[in-house]
């Protein structure tokens, strides 16, 4: 999820009955990011995802 769409994702999770559903967030936009920026975003996302999976 990019920062631009967090509020929409939070709304959908509430509508679907899972108001505390966790998800990872990276900076927006992705489409204009350089390869180096995308690599950094990927590392941030992996750390956040691992945190969710391990510590939930």
N, C-alpha and C. Protein backbone atom coordinates (compact mmCIF):
# COMPACT_ATOMS: atom_id res chain seq x y z
N UNK A 1 0.85 -1.16 0.00
CA UNK A 1 0.00 0.00 0.00
C UNK A 1 0.90 1.23 0.00
N UNK A 2 0.60 2.20 -0.83
CA UNK A 2 1.35 3.46 -0.77
C UNK A 2 0.63 4.44 0.15
N UNK A 3 1.39 5.41 0.61
CA UNK A 3 0.85 6.39 1.56
C UNK A 3 -0.40 7.07 1.04
N UNK A 4 -0.50 7.23 -0.26
CA UNK A 4 -1.65 7.90 -0.87
C UNK A 4 -2.97 7.15 -0.64
N UNK A 5 -2.90 5.85 -0.45
CA UNK A 5 -4.11 5.02 -0.40
C UNK A 5 -4.38 4.39 0.96
N UNK A 6 -3.66 4.82 1.99
CA UNK A 6 -3.85 4.26 3.32
C UNK A 6 -5.29 4.46 3.81
N UNK A 7 -5.81 5.66 3.66
CA UNK A 7 -7.16 5.91 4.17
C UNK A 7 -8.19 5.02 3.45
N UNK A 8 -8.02 4.80 2.17
CA UNK A 8 -8.94 3.93 1.43
C UNK A 8 -8.82 2.49 1.93
N UNK A 9 -7.62 2.03 2.19
CA UNK A 9 -7.42 0.67 2.70
C UNK A 9 -8.01 0.52 4.09
N UNK A 10 -7.84 1.53 4.93
CA UNK A 10 -8.42 1.48 6.27
C UNK A 10 -9.95 1.44 6.20
N UNK A 11 -10.52 2.22 5.32
CA UNK A 11 -11.96 2.22 5.14
C UNK A 11 -12.45 0.84 4.68
N UNK A 12 -11.79 0.27 3.70
CA UNK A 12 -12.18 -1.05 3.19
C UNK A 12 -12.07 -2.11 4.27
N UNK A 13 -11.03 -2.04 5.07
CA UNK A 13 -10.88 -3.05 6.13
C UNK A 13 -12.01 -2.93 7.14
N UNK A 14 -12.44 -1.69 7.44
CA UNK A 14 -13.58 -1.50 8.35
C UNK A 14 -14.86 -2.02 7.72
N UNK A 15 -15.09 -1.70 6.45
CA UNK A 15 -16.30 -2.13 5.74
C UNK A 15 -16.38 -3.66 5.69
N UNK A 16 -15.24 -4.30 5.55
CA UNK A 16 -15.19 -5.75 5.46
C UNK A 16 -15.14 -6.44 6.82
N UNK A 17 -15.29 -5.65 7.89
CA UNK A 17 -15.36 -6.22 9.22
C UNK A 17 -14.03 -6.55 9.87
N UNK A 18 -12.96 -5.99 9.34
CA UNK A 18 -11.63 -6.23 9.90
C UNK A 18 -10.93 -4.89 10.13
N UNK A 19 -11.44 -4.10 11.08
CA UNK A 19 -10.97 -2.72 11.24
C UNK A 19 -9.50 -2.58 11.62
N UNK A 20 -8.91 -3.60 12.19
CA UNK A 20 -7.51 -3.51 12.60
C UNK A 20 -6.59 -4.31 11.68
N UNK A 21 -7.06 -4.59 10.46
CA UNK A 21 -6.26 -5.38 9.52
C UNK A 21 -4.94 -4.67 9.23
N UNK A 22 -3.83 -5.33 9.48
CA UNK A 22 -2.53 -4.67 9.26
C UNK A 22 -2.07 -4.78 7.80
N UNK A 23 -1.37 -3.78 7.35
CA UNK A 23 -0.75 -3.82 6.02
C UNK A 23 0.49 -2.95 6.03
N UNK A 24 1.37 -3.21 5.10
CA UNK A 24 2.60 -2.43 5.02
C UNK A 24 2.37 -1.20 4.15
N UNK A 25 3.14 -0.16 4.41
CA UNK A 25 2.98 1.10 3.70
C UNK A 25 4.33 1.59 3.20
N UNK A 26 4.35 2.02 1.94
CA UNK A 26 5.55 2.64 1.37
C UNK A 26 5.18 4.01 0.82
N UNK A 27 6.21 4.79 0.51
CA UNK A 27 5.99 6.13 -0.02
C UNK A 27 5.30 6.10 -1.38
N UNK A 28 4.63 7.17 -1.66
CA UNK A 28 3.93 7.35 -2.94
C UNK A 28 4.59 8.53 -3.63
N UNK A 29 4.75 8.51 -4.92
CA UNK A 29 4.33 7.49 -5.89
C UNK A 29 5.42 6.45 -6.13
N UNK A 30 5.03 5.35 -6.68
CA UNK A 30 5.96 4.29 -7.04
C UNK A 30 6.37 4.41 -8.50
N UNK A 31 5.44 4.82 -9.34
CA UNK A 31 5.68 4.82 -10.79
C UNK A 31 6.82 5.72 -11.23
N UNK A 32 7.10 6.78 -10.50
CA UNK A 32 8.18 7.69 -10.90
C UNK A 32 9.44 7.50 -10.07
N UNK A 33 9.47 6.48 -9.24
CA UNK A 33 10.64 6.23 -8.39
C UNK A 33 11.78 5.63 -9.21
N UNK A 34 12.98 5.97 -8.83
CA UNK A 34 14.17 5.41 -9.48
C UNK A 34 14.38 3.97 -9.00
N UNK A 35 15.27 3.27 -9.67
CA UNK A 35 15.56 1.90 -9.25
C UNK A 35 16.07 1.88 -7.81
N UNK A 36 16.92 2.83 -7.45
CA UNK A 36 17.45 2.89 -6.09
C UNK A 36 16.34 3.16 -5.08
N UNK A 37 15.42 4.04 -5.42
CA UNK A 37 14.29 4.32 -4.53
C UNK A 37 13.38 3.11 -4.38
N UNK A 38 13.14 2.41 -5.49
CA UNK A 38 12.32 1.20 -5.44
C UNK A 38 12.97 0.12 -4.59
N UNK A 39 14.28 0.00 -4.70
CA UNK A 39 15.00 -0.98 -3.88
C UNK A 39 14.86 -0.64 -2.40
N UNK A 40 14.99 0.64 -2.07
CA UNK A 40 14.83 1.07 -0.68
C UNK A 40 13.41 0.78 -0.20
N UNK A 41 12.41 1.08 -1.04
CA UNK A 41 11.02 0.80 -0.69
C UNK A 41 10.80 -0.69 -0.46
N UNK A 42 11.41 -1.51 -1.29
CA UNK A 42 11.27 -2.96 -1.16
C UNK A 42 11.83 -3.43 0.18
N UNK A 43 12.97 -2.89 0.58
CA UNK A 43 13.56 -3.27 1.86
C UNK A 43 12.68 -2.84 3.03
N UNK A 44 12.12 -1.64 2.94
CA UNK A 44 11.21 -1.14 3.99
C UNK A 44 9.99 -2.06 4.07
N UNK A 45 9.43 -2.40 2.92
CA UNK A 45 8.26 -3.26 2.86
C UNK A 45 8.55 -4.64 3.44
N UNK A 46 9.70 -5.19 3.12
CA UNK A 46 10.06 -6.51 3.65
C UNK A 46 10.20 -6.46 5.17
N UNK A 47 10.81 -5.41 5.70
CA UNK A 47 10.95 -5.30 7.16
C UNK A 47 9.58 -5.17 7.82
N UNK A 48 8.72 -4.35 7.24
CA UNK A 48 7.37 -4.18 7.80
C UNK A 48 6.59 -5.49 7.73
N UNK A 49 6.67 -6.17 6.60
CA UNK A 49 5.97 -7.44 6.43
C UNK A 49 6.47 -8.50 7.40
N UNK A 50 7.76 -8.56 7.59
CA UNK A 50 8.33 -9.52 8.53
C UNK A 50 7.85 -9.21 9.94
N UNK A 51 7.80 -7.95 10.29
CA UNK A 51 7.30 -7.53 11.61
C UNK A 51 5.85 -8.01 11.80
N UNK A 52 5.04 -7.82 10.77
CA UNK A 52 3.64 -8.26 10.86
C UNK A 52 3.52 -9.78 10.99
N UNK A 53 4.33 -10.50 10.23
CA UNK A 53 4.25 -11.95 10.26
C UNK A 53 4.75 -12.54 11.57
N UNK A 54 5.82 -11.97 12.11
CA UNK A 54 6.43 -12.51 13.31
C UNK A 54 5.73 -12.05 14.58
N UNK A 55 5.41 -10.74 14.63
CA UNK A 55 4.88 -10.17 15.86
C UNK A 55 3.40 -9.79 15.77
N UNK A 56 2.87 -9.84 14.54
CA UNK A 56 1.46 -9.62 14.24
C UNK A 56 0.81 -8.54 14.95
